[in-house]
Amino acid sequence: RAWNCTYSNVRAQFVWKRTKRGHSMAAAGEALRLYRALLREGTKFKNYNVREYTLRKVKEEFRNHRDDAGEDLQNALKKAREQLEVAKRQVAVYQLYAPAQLSIMDIKVN
């Protein structure tokens, strides 16, 4: 059995554990890259509510699929790749039609 690196959101550190059958290091690496890319795209939203919703959903979906293996894992990765493309398009659209006023959560107080 190979060792697998997974992302632990609790302490923002990597946790090494043995992989289950069907997991590959390539799939684990791709999942981690997709997770980071989705979080990065989510932070680009100017609207506080959209940004926080996106980040929450990304974390929730990856948490729900962390024990998937085989075809379920491949389907989850495919869905994540599709969602990354959607997020990139939505960030571009939201930047074109950004609201004039920021959310109260985005205003910096001196």
PDB file of N, CA and C in Angstrom:
ATOM      1  N   ARG A   1       0.850  -1.199   0.000  1.00  0.00           N
ATOM      2  CA  ARG A   1       0.000   0.000   0.000  1.00  0.00           C
ATOM      3  C   ARG A   1       0.884   1.247   0.000  1.00  0.00           C
ATOM      4  N   ALA A   2       0.458   2.178  -0.760  1.00  0.00           N
ATOM      5  CA  ALA A   2       1.218   3.427  -0.876  1.00  0.00           C
ATOM      6  C   ALA A   2       0.756   4.408   0.199  1.00  0.00           C
ATOM      7  N   TRP A   3       1.580   5.409   0.420  1.00  0.00           N
ATOM      8  CA  TRP A   3       1.209   6.470   1.349  1.00  0.00           C
ATOM      9  C   TRP A   3       0.544   7.583   0.577  1.00  0.00           C
ATOM     10  N   ASN A   4      -0.412   8.213   1.186  1.00  0.00           N
ATOM     11  CA  ASN A   4      -1.183   9.259   0.524  1.00  0.00           C
ATOM     12  C   ASN A   4      -1.144  10.523   1.369  1.00  0.00           C
ATOM     13  N   CYS A   5      -1.057  11.652   0.715  1.00  0.00           N
ATOM     14  CA  CYS A   5      -1.065  12.939   1.408  1.00  0.00           C
ATOM     15  C   CYS A   5      -2.438  13.564   1.230  1.00  0.00           C
ATOM     16  N   THR A   6      -3.138  13.841   2.310  1.00  0.00           N
ATOM     17  CA  THR A   6      -4.437  14.495   2.230  1.00  0.00           C
ATOM     18  C   THR A   6      -4.389  15.780   3.026  1.00  0.00           C
ATOM     19  N   TYR A   7      -5.272  16.701   2.656  1.00  0.00           N
ATOM     20  CA  TYR A   7      -5.284  18.008   3.290  1.00  0.00           C
ATOM     21  C   TYR A   7      -6.248  17.996   4.463  1.00  0.00           C
ATOM     22  N   SER A   8      -5.768  18.339   5.639  1.00  0.00           N
ATOM     23  CA  SER A   8      -6.609  18.421   6.824  1.00  0.00           C
ATOM     24  C   SER A   8      -6.966  19.878   7.054  1.00  0.00           C
ATOM     25  N   ASN A   9      -8.236  20.199   6.921  1.00  0.00           N
ATOM     26  CA  ASN A   9      -8.673  21.587   7.021  1.00  0.00           C
ATOM     27  C   ASN A   9      -8.665  22.080   8.466  1.00  0.00           C
ATOM     28  N   VAL A  10      -8.700  21.184   9.423  1.00  0.00           N
ATOM     29  CA  VAL A  10      -8.787  21.576  10.822  1.00  0.00           C
ATOM     30  C   VAL A  10      -7.581  22.412  11.241  1.00  0.00           C
ATOM     31  N   ARG A  11      -6.404  21.976  10.899  1.00  0.00           N
ATOM     32  CA  ARG A  11      -5.197  22.693  11.303  1.00  0.00           C
ATOM     33  C   ARG A  11      -4.395  23.188  10.113  1.00  0.00           C
ATOM     34  N   ALA A  12      -4.977  23.118   8.920  1.00  0.00           N
ATOM     35  CA  ALA A  12      -4.310  23.559   7.695  1.00  0.00           C
ATOM     36  C   ALA A  12      -2.934  22.919   7.552  1.00  0.00           C
ATOM     37  N   GLN A  13      -2.916  21.612   7.676  1.00  0.00           N
ATOM     38  CA  GLN A  13      -1.662  20.896   7.519  1.00  0.00           C
ATOM     39  C   GLN A  13      -1.929  19.620   6.733  1.00  0.00           C
ATOM     40  N   PHE A  14      -0.881  19.014   6.263  1.00  0.00           N
ATOM     41  CA  PHE A  14      -1.024  17.785   5.521  1.00  0.00           C
ATOM     42  C   PHE A  14      -0.940  16.604   6.471  1.00  0.00           C
ATOM     43  N   VAL A  15      -1.769  15.618   6.222  1.00  0.00           N
ATOM     44  CA  VAL A  15      -1.800  14.422   7.045  1.00  0.00           C
ATOM     45  C   VAL A  15      -1.472  13.243   6.141  1.00  0.00           C
ATOM     46  N   TRP A  16      -0.478  12.490   6.526  1.00  0.00           N
ATOM     47  CA  TRP A  16      -0.098  11.338   5.731  1.00  0.00           C
ATOM     48  C   TRP A  16      -0.806  10.105   6.272  1.00  0.00           C
ATOM     49  N   LYS A  17      -1.405   9.355   5.377  1.00  0.00           N
ATOM     50  CA  LYS A  17      -2.062   8.113   5.776  1.00  0.00           C
ATOM     51  C   LYS A  17      -1.964   7.117   4.631  1.00  0.00           C
ATOM     52  N   ARG A  18      -2.214   5.891   4.927  1.00  0.00           N
ATOM     53  CA  ARG A  18      -2.166   4.877   3.882  1.00  0.00           C
ATOM     54  C   ARG A  18      -3.373   5.025   2.966  1.00  0.00           C
ATOM     55  N   THR A  19      -3.140   4.786   1.670  1.00  0.00           N
ATOM     56  CA  THR A  19      -4.233   4.901   0.714  1.00  0.00           C
ATOM     57  C   THR A  19      -5.061   3.629   0.733  1.00  0.00           C
ATOM     58  N   LYS A  20      -6.310   3.776   0.374  1.00  0.00           N
ATOM     59  CA  LYS A  20      -7.182   2.618   0.220  1.00  0.00           C
ATOM     60  C   LYS A  20      -6.965   2.044  -1.175  1.00  0.00           C
ATOM     61  N   ARG A  21      -7.460   0.873  -1.408  1.00  0.00           N
ATOM     62  CA  ARG A  21      -7.359   0.305  -2.745  1.00  0.00           C
ATOM     63  C   ARG A  21      -8.133   1.180  -3.714  1.00  0.00           C
ATOM     64  N   GLY A  22      -7.574   1.369  -4.873  1.00  0.00           N
ATOM     65  CA  GLY A  22      -8.228   2.187  -5.876  1.00  0.00           C
ATOM     66  C   GLY A  22      -7.710   3.617  -5.900  1.00  0.00           C
ATOM     67  N   HIS A  23      -7.138   4.073  -4.798  1.00  0.00           N
ATOM     68  CA  HIS A  23      -6.543   5.411  -4.787  1.00  0.00           C
ATOM     69  C   HIS A  23      -5.183   5.337  -5.460  1.00  0.00           C
ATOM     70  N   SER A  24      -4.839   6.360  -6.139  1.00  0.00           N
ATOM     71  CA  SER A  24      -3.491   6.442  -6.686  1.00  0.00           C
ATOM     72  C   SER A  24      -2.896   7.764  -6.252  1.00  0.00           C
ATOM     73  N   MET A  25      -1.604   7.825  -6.228  1.00  0.00           N
ATOM     74  CA  MET A  25      -0.939   9.066  -5.852  1.00  0.00           C
ATOM     75  C   MET A  25      -1.262  10.160  -6.856  1.00  0.00           C
ATOM     76  N   ALA A  26      -1.441   9.780  -8.126  1.00  0.00           N
ATOM     77  CA  ALA A  26      -1.779  10.772  -9.148  1.00  0.00           C
ATOM     78  C   ALA A  26      -3.150  11.378  -8.861  1.00  0.00           C
ATOM     79  N   ALA A  27      -4.105  10.546  -8.467  1.00  0.00           N
ATOM     80  CA  ALA A  27      -5.444  11.043  -8.157  1.00  0.00           C
ATOM     81  C   ALA A  27      -5.419  11.927  -6.917  1.00  0.00           C
ATOM     82  N   ALA A  28      -4.610  11.550  -5.936  1.00  0.00           N
ATOM     83  CA  ALA A  28      -4.510  12.360  -4.720  1.00  0.00           C
ATOM     84  C   ALA A  28      -3.882  13.716  -5.038  1.00  0.00           C
ATOM     85  N   GLY A  29      -2.856  13.707  -5.880  1.00  0.00           N
ATOM     86  CA  GLY A  29      -2.214  14.958  -6.274  1.00  0.00           C
ATOM     87  C   GLY A  29      -3.150  15.835  -7.081  1.00  0.00           C
ATOM     88  N   GLU A  30      -3.913  15.213  -7.982  1.00  0.00           N
ATOM     89  CA  GLU A  30      -4.872  15.983  -8.781  1.00  0.00           C
ATOM     90  C   GLU A  30      -5.965  16.562  -7.895  1.00  0.00           C
ATOM     91  N   ALA A  31      -6.438  15.781  -6.931  1.00  0.00           N
ATOM     92  CA  ALA A  31      -7.477  16.269  -6.024  1.00  0.00           C
ATOM     93  C   ALA A  31      -6.977  17.472  -5.230  1.00  0.00           C
ATOM     94  N   LEU A  32      -5.749  17.405  -4.766  1.00  0.00           N
ATOM     95  CA  LEU A  32      -5.184  18.508  -4.000  1.00  0.00           C
ATOM     96  C   LEU A  32      -5.014  19.758  -4.875  1.00  0.00           C
ATOM     97  N   ARG A  33      -4.559  19.571  -6.123  1.00  0.00           N
ATOM     98  CA  ARG A  33      -4.423  20.701  -7.048  1.00  0.00           C
ATOM     99  C   ARG A  33      -5.784  21.327  -7.343  1.00  0.00           C
ATOM    100  N   LEU A  34      -6.796  20.489  -7.573  1.00  0.00           N
ATOM    101  CA  LEU A  34      -8.138  21.001  -7.836  1.00  0.00           C
ATOM    102  C   LEU A  34      -8.694  21.739  -6.624  1.00  0.00           C
ATOM    103  N   TYR A  35      -8.471  21.195  -5.437  1.00  0.00           N
ATOM    104  CA  TYR A  35      -8.942  21.821  -4.203  1.00  0.00           C
ATOM    105  C   TYR A  35      -8.343  23.216  -4.055  1.00  0.00           C
ATOM    106  N   ARG A  36      -7.037  23.307  -4.233  1.00  0.00           N
ATOM    107  CA  ARG A  36      -6.361  24.601  -4.109  1.00  0.00           C
ATOM    108  C   ARG A  36      -6.816  25.572  -5.187  1.00  0.00           C
ATOM    109  N   ALA A  37      -6.972  25.071  -6.420  1.00  0.00           N
ATOM    110  CA  ALA A  37      -7.388  25.940  -7.526  1.00  0.00           C
ATOM    111  C   ALA A  37      -8.805  26.466  -7.294  1.00  0.00           C
ATOM    112  N   LEU A  38      -9.699  25.609  -6.801  1.00  0.00           N
ATOM    113  CA  LEU A  38     -11.070  26.044  -6.525  1.00  0.00           C
ATOM    114  C   LEU A  38     -11.106  27.067  -5.393  1.00  0.00           C
ATOM    115  N   LEU A  39     -10.305  26.857  -4.361  1.00  0.00           N
ATOM    116  CA  LEU A  39     -10.241  27.836  -3.271  1.00  0.00           C
ATOM    117  C   LEU A  39      -9.677  29.158  -3.766  1.00  0.00           C
ATOM    118  N   ARG A  40      -8.658  29.094  -4.619  1.00  0.00           N
ATOM    119  CA  ARG A  40      -8.063  30.309  -5.176  1.00  0.00           C
ATOM    120  C   ARG A  40      -9.078  31.080  -6.021  1.00  0.00           C
ATOM    121  N   GLU A  41      -9.828  30.359  -6.859  1.00  0.00           N
ATOM    122  CA  GLU A  41     -10.853  31.024  -7.680  1.00  0.00           C
ATOM    123  C   GLU A  41     -11.947  31.607  -6.796  1.00  0.00           C
ATOM    124  N   GLY A  42     -12.305  30.891  -5.745  1.00  0.00           N
ATOM    125  CA  GLY A  42     -13.353  31.369  -4.847  1.00  0.00           C
ATOM    126  C   GLY A  42     -12.994  32.677  -4.163  1.00  0.00           C
ATOM    127  N   THR A  43     -11.714  32.862  -3.879  1.00  0.00           N
ATOM    128  CA  THR A  43     -11.303  34.098  -3.209  1.00  0.00           C
ATOM    129  C   THR A  43     -11.305  35.300  -4.151  1.00  0.00           C
ATOM    130  N   LYS A  44     -11.434  35.075  -5.440  1.00  0.00           N
ATOM    131  CA  LYS A  44     -11.434  36.167  -6.413  1.00  0.00           C
ATOM    132  C   LYS A  44     -12.778  36.876  -6.538  1.00  0.00           C
ATOM    133  N   PHE A  45     -13.843  36.286  -5.987  1.00  0.00           N
ATOM    134  CA  PHE A  45     -15.152  36.938  -6.032  1.00  0.00           C
ATOM    135  C   PHE A  45     -15.132  38.176  -5.159  1.00  0.00           C
ATOM    136  N   LYS A  46     -15.629  39.288  -5.677  1.00  0.00           N
ATOM    137  CA  LYS A  46     -15.659  40.548  -4.924  1.00  0.00           C
ATOM    138  C   LYS A  46     -16.785  40.554  -3.895  1.00  0.00           C
ATOM    139  N   ASN A  47     -17.903  39.913  -4.229  1.00  0.00           N
ATOM    140  CA  ASN A  47     -19.060  39.887  -3.343  1.00  0.00           C
ATOM    141  C   ASN A  47     -18.792  38.939  -2.175  1.00  0.00           C
ATOM    142  N   TYR A  48     -18.915  39.440  -0.962  1.00  0.00           N
ATOM    143  CA  TYR A  48     -18.635  38.655   0.242  1.00  0.00           C
ATOM    144  C   TYR A  48     -19.478  37.384   0.301  1.00  0.00           C
ATOM    145  N   ASN A  49     -20.780  37.507   0.052  1.00  0.00           N
ATOM    146  CA  ASN A  49     -21.677  36.358   0.172  1.00  0.00           C
ATOM    147  C   ASN A  49     -21.342  35.271  -0.838  1.00  0.00           C
ATOM    148  N   VAL A  50     -21.071  35.662  -2.069  1.00  0.00           N
ATOM    149  CA  VAL A  50     -20.717  34.691  -3.111  1.00  0.00           C
ATOM    150  C   VAL A  50     -19.383  34.044  -2.781  1.00  0.00           C
ATOM    151  N   ARG A  51     -18.431  34.854  -2.344  1.00  0.00           N
ATOM    152  CA  ARG A  51     -17.099  34.338  -1.997  1.00  0.00           C
ATOM    153  C   ARG A  51     -17.185  33.311  -0.877  1.00  0.00           C
ATOM    154  N   GLU A  52     -17.877  33.647   0.194  1.00  0.00           N
ATOM    155  CA  GLU A  52     -17.969  32.722   1.330  1.00  0.00           C
ATOM    156  C   GLU A  52     -18.763  31.469   0.984  1.00  0.00           C
ATOM    157  N   TYR A  53     -19.818  31.614   0.194  1.00  0.00           N
ATOM    158  CA  TYR A  53     -20.606  30.456  -0.243  1.00  0.00           C
ATOM    159  C   TYR A  53     -19.732  29.515  -1.065  1.00  0.00           C
ATOM    160  N   THR A  54     -18.976  30.080  -2.001  1.00  0.00           N
ATOM    161  CA  THR A  54     -18.118  29.269  -2.861  1.00  0.00           C
ATOM    162  C   THR A  54     -17.084  28.511  -2.042  1.00  0.00           C
ATOM    163  N   LEU A  55     -16.423  29.194  -1.137  1.00  0.00           N
ATOM    164  CA  LEU A  55     -15.410  28.532  -0.315  1.00  0.00           C
ATOM    165  C   LEU A  55     -16.021  27.439   0.556  1.00  0.00           C
ATOM    166  N   ARG A  56     -17.178  27.718   1.124  1.00  0.00           N
ATOM    167  CA  ARG A  56     -17.858  26.730   1.973  1.00  0.00           C
ATOM    168  C   ARG A  56     -18.247  25.490   1.166  1.00  0.00           C
ATOM    169  N   LYS A  57     -18.784  25.700  -0.049  1.00  0.00           N
ATOM    170  CA  LYS A  57     -19.210  24.569  -0.875  1.00  0.00           C
ATOM    171  C   LYS A  57     -18.024  23.733  -1.347  1.00  0.00           C
ATOM    172  N   VAL A  58     -16.920  24.373  -1.684  1.00  0.00           N
ATOM    173  CA  VAL A  58     -15.731  23.634  -2.115  1.00  0.00           C
ATOM    174  C   VAL A  58     -15.254  22.726  -0.982  1.00  0.00           C
ATOM    175  N   LYS A  59     -15.132  23.281   0.209  1.00  0.00           N
ATOM    176  CA  LYS A  59     -14.668  22.490   1.352  1.00  0.00           C
ATOM    177  C   LYS A  59     -15.635  21.350   1.666  1.00  0.00           C
ATOM    178  N   GLU A  60     -16.922  21.645   1.597  1.00  0.00           N
ATOM    179  CA  GLU A  60     -17.940  20.634   1.895  1.00  0.00           C
ATOM    180  C   GLU A  60     -17.897  19.490   0.887  1.00  0.00           C
ATOM    181  N   GLU A  61     -17.813  19.816  -0.399  1.00  0.00           N
ATOM    182  CA  GLU A  61     -17.802  18.772  -1.435  1.00  0.00           C
ATOM    183  C   GLU A  61     -16.552  17.904  -1.342  1.00  0.00           C
ATOM    184  N   PHE A  62     -15.410  18.506  -1.111  1.00  0.00           N
ATOM    185  CA  PHE A  62     -14.194  17.704  -0.981  1.00  0.00           C
ATOM    186  C   PHE A  62     -14.241  16.852   0.279  1.00  0.00           C
ATOM    187  N   ARG A  63     -14.818  17.362   1.336  1.00  0.00           N
ATOM    188  CA  ARG A  63     -14.972  16.584   2.561  1.00  0.00           C
ATOM    189  C   ARG A  63     -15.905  15.393   2.321  1.00  0.00           C
ATOM    190  N   ASN A  64     -16.968  15.599   1.565  1.00  0.00           N
ATOM    191  CA  ASN A  64     -17.932  14.523   1.294  1.00  0.00           C
ATOM    192  C   ASN A  64     -17.338  13.413   0.433  1.00  0.00           C
ATOM    193  N   HIS A  65     -16.364  13.747  -0.402  1.00  0.00           N
ATOM    194  CA  HIS A  65     -15.809  12.765  -1.340  1.00  0.00           C
ATOM    195  C   HIS A  65     -14.408  12.295  -0.975  1.00  0.00           C
ATOM    196  N   ARG A  66     -13.958  12.570   0.224  1.00  0.00           N
ATOM    197  CA  ARG A  66     -12.574  12.209   0.568  1.00  0.00           C
ATOM    198  C   ARG A  66     -12.346  10.711   0.661  1.00  0.00           C
ATOM    199  N   ASP A  67     -13.385   9.923   0.884  1.00  0.00           N
ATOM    200  CA  ASP A  67     -13.213   8.475   0.990  1.00  0.00           C
ATOM    201  C   ASP A  67     -13.590   7.735  -0.284  1.00  0.00           C
ATOM    202  N   ASP A  68     -13.870   8.463  -1.359  1.00  0.00           N
ATOM    203  CA  ASP A  68     -14.225   7.825  -2.622  1.00  0.00           C
ATOM    204  C   ASP A  68     -13.030   7.106  -3.213  1.00  0.00           C
ATOM    205  N   ALA A  69     -13.309   6.063  -3.975  1.00  0.00           N
ATOM    206  CA  ALA A  69     -12.253   5.304  -4.641  1.00  0.00           C
ATOM    207  C   ALA A  69     -12.761   4.857  -6.007  1.00  0.00           C
ATOM    208  N   GLY A  70     -11.837   4.520  -6.866  1.00  0.00           N
ATOM    209  CA  GLY A  70     -12.182   3.964  -8.161  1.00  0.00           C
ATOM    210  C   GLY A  70     -12.972   4.921  -9.034  1.00  0.00           C
ATOM    211  N   GLU A  71     -14.068   4.424  -9.575  1.00  0.00           N
ATOM    212  CA  GLU A  71     -14.879   5.218 -10.497  1.00  0.00           C
ATOM    213  C   GLU A  71     -15.563   6.387  -9.793  1.00  0.00           C
ATOM    214  N   ASP A  72     -15.947   6.204  -8.534  1.00  0.00           N
ATOM    215  CA  ASP A  72     -16.540   7.310  -7.781  1.00  0.00           C
ATOM    216  C   ASP A  72     -15.549   8.468  -7.655  1.00  0.00           C
ATOM    217  N   LEU A  73     -14.293   8.138  -7.408  1.00  0.00           N
ATOM    218  CA  LEU A  73     -13.248   9.156  -7.304  1.00  0.00           C
ATOM    219  C   LEU A  73     -13.067   9.869  -8.636  1.00  0.00           C
ATOM    220  N   GLN A  74     -13.033   9.110  -9.717  1.00  0.00           N
ATOM    221  CA  GLN A  74     -12.864   9.714 -11.045  1.00  0.00           C
ATOM    222  C   GLN A  74     -14.031  10.630 -11.392  1.00  0.00           C
ATOM    223  N   ASN A  75     -15.246  10.209 -11.039  1.00  0.00           N
ATOM    224  CA  ASN A  75     -16.426  11.052 -11.288  1.00  0.00           C
ATOM    225  C   ASN A  75     -16.372  12.334 -10.460  1.00  0.00           C
ATOM    226  N   ALA A  76     -15.934  12.221  -9.211  1.00  0.00           N
ATOM    227  CA  ALA A  76     -15.824  13.397  -8.347  1.00  0.00           C
ATOM    228  C   ALA A  76     -14.770  14.363  -8.885  1.00  0.00           C
ATOM    229  N   LEU A  77     -13.645  13.835  -9.374  1.00  0.00           N
ATOM    230  CA  LEU A  77     -12.600  14.686  -9.936  1.00  0.00           C
ATOM    231  C   LEU A  77     -13.074  15.356 -11.220  1.00  0.00           C
ATOM    232  N   LYS A  78     -13.831  14.621 -12.025  1.00  0.00           N
ATOM    233  CA  LYS A  78     -14.378  15.198 -13.260  1.00  0.00           C
ATOM    234  C   LYS A  78     -15.329  16.347 -12.928  1.00  0.00           C
ATOM    235  N   LYS A  79     -16.182  16.129 -11.933  1.00  0.00           N
ATOM    236  CA  LYS A  79     -17.118  17.178 -11.512  1.00  0.00           C
ATOM    237  C   LYS A  79     -16.352  18.395 -10.973  1.00  0.00           C
ATOM    238  N   ALA A  80     -15.273  18.155 -10.235  1.00  0.00           N
ATOM    239  CA  ALA A  80     -14.474  19.254  -9.688  1.00  0.00           C
ATOM    240  C   ALA A  80     -13.811  20.054 -10.808  1.00  0.00           C
ATOM    241  N   ARG A  81     -13.311  19.355 -11.844  1.00  0.00           N
ATOM    242  CA  ARG A  81     -12.718  20.065 -12.986  1.00  0.00           C
ATOM    243  C   ARG A  81     -13.760  20.934 -13.681  1.00  0.00           C
ATOM    244  N   GLU A  82     -14.970  20.389 -13.854  1.00  0.00           N
ATOM    245  CA  GLU A  82     -16.049  21.164 -14.474  1.00  0.00           C
ATOM    246  C   GLU A  82     -16.414  22.377 -13.622  1.00  0.00           C
ATOM    247  N   GLN A  83     -16.472  22.193 -12.312  1.00  0.00           N
ATOM    248  CA  GLN A  83     -16.814  23.299 -11.421  1.00  0.00           C
ATOM    249  C   GLN A  83     -15.720  24.368 -11.411  1.00  0.00           C
ATOM    250  N   LEU A  84     -14.474  23.962 -11.595  1.00  0.00           N
ATOM    251  CA  LEU A  84     -13.388  24.928 -11.685  1.00  0.00           C
ATOM    252  C   LEU A  84     -13.564  25.813 -12.916  1.00  0.00           C
ATOM    253  N   GLU A  85     -13.936  25.205 -14.037  1.00  0.00           N
ATOM    254  CA  GLU A  85     -14.177  25.991 -15.254  1.00  0.00           C
ATOM    255  C   GLU A  85     -15.362  26.935 -15.065  1.00  0.00           C
ATOM    256  N   VAL A  86     -16.407  26.472 -14.413  1.00  0.00           N
ATOM    257  CA  VAL A  86     -17.569  27.327 -14.135  1.00  0.00           C
ATOM    258  C   VAL A  86     -17.154  28.489 -13.238  1.00  0.00           C
ATOM    259  N   ALA A  87     -16.374  28.197 -12.207  1.00  0.00           N
ATOM    260  CA  ALA A  87     -15.940  29.244 -11.280  1.00  0.00           C
ATOM    261  C   ALA A  87     -15.112  30.298 -12.003  1.00  0.00           C
ATOM    262  N   LYS A  88     -14.224  29.871 -12.911  1.00  0.00           N
ATOM    263  CA  LYS A  88     -13.414  30.826 -13.663  1.00  0.00           C
ATOM    264  C   LYS A  88     -14.292  31.741 -14.505  1.00  0.00           C
ATOM    265  N   ARG A  89     -15.302  31.164 -15.166  1.00  0.00           N
ATOM    266  CA  ARG A  89     -16.219  31.982 -15.976  1.00  0.00           C
ATOM    267  C   ARG A  89     -17.022  32.934 -15.101  1.00  0.00           C
ATOM    268  N   GLN A  90     -17.493  32.450 -13.961  1.00  0.00           N
ATOM    269  CA  GLN A  90     -18.305  33.283 -13.078  1.00  0.00           C
ATOM    270  C   GLN A  90     -17.498  34.430 -12.477  1.00  0.00           C
ATOM    271  N   VAL A  91     -16.241  34.193 -12.164  1.00  0.00           N
ATOM    272  CA  VAL A  91     -15.390  35.264 -11.644  1.00  0.00           C
ATOM    273  C   VAL A  91     -15.270  36.364 -12.688  1.00  0.00           C
ATOM    274  N   ALA A  92     -15.082  35.972 -13.950  1.00  0.00           N
ATOM    275  CA  ALA A  92     -14.968  36.962 -15.025  1.00  0.00           C
ATOM    276  C   ALA A  92     -16.265  37.763 -15.171  1.00  0.00           C
ATOM    277  N   VAL A  93     -17.407  37.091 -15.113  1.00  0.00           N
ATOM    278  CA  VAL A  93     -18.692  37.774 -15.236  1.00  0.00           C
ATOM    279  C   VAL A  93     -18.922  38.703 -14.043  1.00  0.00           C
ATOM    280  N   TYR A  94     -18.627  38.226 -12.847  1.00  0.00           N
ATOM    281  CA  TYR A  94     -18.823  39.052 -11.649  1.00  0.00           C
ATOM    282  C   TYR A  94     -17.906  40.269 -11.654  1.00  0.00           C
ATOM    283  N   GLN A  95     -16.725  40.145 -12.257  1.00  0.00           N
ATOM    284  CA  GLN A  95     -15.824  41.298 -12.335  1.00  0.00           C
ATOM    285  C   GLN A  95     -16.329  42.323 -13.345  1.00  0.00           C
ATOM    286  N   LEU A  96     -16.992  41.868 -14.397  1.00  0.00           N
ATOM    287  CA  LEU A  96     -17.553  42.796 -15.382  1.00  0.00           C
ATOM    288  C   LEU A  96     -18.710  43.599 -14.804  1.00  0.00           C
ATOM    289  N   TYR A  97     -19.522  42.956 -13.980  1.00  0.00           N
ATOM    290  CA  TYR A  97     -20.715  43.595 -13.425  1.00  0.00           C
ATOM    291  C   TYR A  97     -20.633  43.708 -11.909  1.00  0.00           C
ATOM    292  N   ALA A  98     -19.516  44.169 -11.425  1.00  0.00           N
ATOM    293  CA  ALA A  98     -19.311  44.282  -9.978  1.00  0.00           C
ATOM    294  C   ALA A  98     -20.189  45.396  -9.409  1.00  0.00           C
ATOM    295  N   PRO A  99     -20.758  45.186  -8.225  1.00  0.00           N
ATOM    296  CA  PRO A  99     -21.565  46.246  -7.606  1.00  0.00           C
ATOM    297  C   PRO A  99     -20.689  47.426  -7.189  1.00  0.00           C
ATOM    298  N   ALA A 100     -21.293  48.610  -7.188  1.00  0.00           N
ATOM    299  CA  ALA A 100     -20.531  49.812  -6.829  1.00  0.00           C
ATOM    300  C   ALA A 100     -20.166  49.823  -5.347  1.00  0.00           C
ATOM    301  N   GLN A 101     -21.046  49.294  -4.507  1.00  0.00           N
ATOM    302  CA  GLN A 101     -20.810  49.314  -3.068  1.00  0.00           C
ATOM    303  C   GLN A 101     -20.373  47.939  -2.598  1.00  0.00           C
ATOM    304  N   LEU A 102     -19.336  47.904  -1.791  1.00  0.00           N
ATOM    305  CA  LEU A 102     -18.874  46.657  -1.215  1.00  0.00           C
ATOM    306  C   LEU A 102     -19.784  46.234  -0.072  1.00  0.00           C
ATOM    307  N   SER A 103     -19.671  44.985   0.299  1.00  0.00           N
ATOM    308  CA  SER A 103     -20.383  44.492   1.462  1.00  0.00           C
ATOM    309  C   SER A 103     -19.788  45.135   2.715  1.00  0.00           C
ATOM    310  N   ILE A 104     -20.558  45.245   3.754  1.00  0.00           N
ATOM    311  CA  ILE A 104     -20.075  45.785   5.025  1.00  0.00           C
ATOM    312  C   ILE A 104     -18.924  44.936   5.562  1.00  0.00           C
ATOM    313  N   MET A 105     -18.891  43.654   5.181  1.00  0.00           N
ATOM    314  CA  MET A 105     -17.835  42.765   5.640  1.00  0.00           C
ATOM    315  C   MET A 105     -16.504  43.062   4.960  1.00  0.00           C
ATOM    316  N   ASP A 106     -16.533  43.726   3.806  1.00  0.00           N
ATOM    317  CA  ASP A 106     -15.313  44.021   3.069  1.00  0.00           C
ATOM    318  C   ASP A 106     -14.720  45.385   3.368  1.00  0.00           C
ATOM    319  N   ILE A 107     -15.438  46.223   4.085  1.00  0.00           N
ATOM    320  CA  ILE A 107     -14.964  47.577   4.377  1.00  0.00           C
ATOM    321  C   ILE A 107     -13.920  47.493   5.490  1.00  0.00           C
ATOM    322  N   LYS A 108     -12.765  48.087   5.243  1.00  0.00           N
ATOM    323  CA  LYS A 108     -11.690  48.052   6.236  1.00  0.00           C
ATOM    324  C   LYS A 108     -11.796  49.250   7.142  1.00  0.00           C
ATOM    325  N   VAL A 109     -11.717  48.997   8.432  1.00  0.00           N
ATOM    326  CA  VAL A 109     -11.784  50.048   9.436  1.00  0.00           C
ATOM    327  C   VAL A 109     -10.374  50.345   9.918  1.00  0.00           C
ATOM    328  N   ASN A 110     -10.025  51.604   9.990  1.00  0.00           N
ATOM    329  CA  ASN A 110      -8.669  51.994  10.441  1.00  0.00           C
ATOM    330  C   ASN A 110      -8.576  52.005  11.945  1.00  0.00           C
TER     331      ASN A 110
END
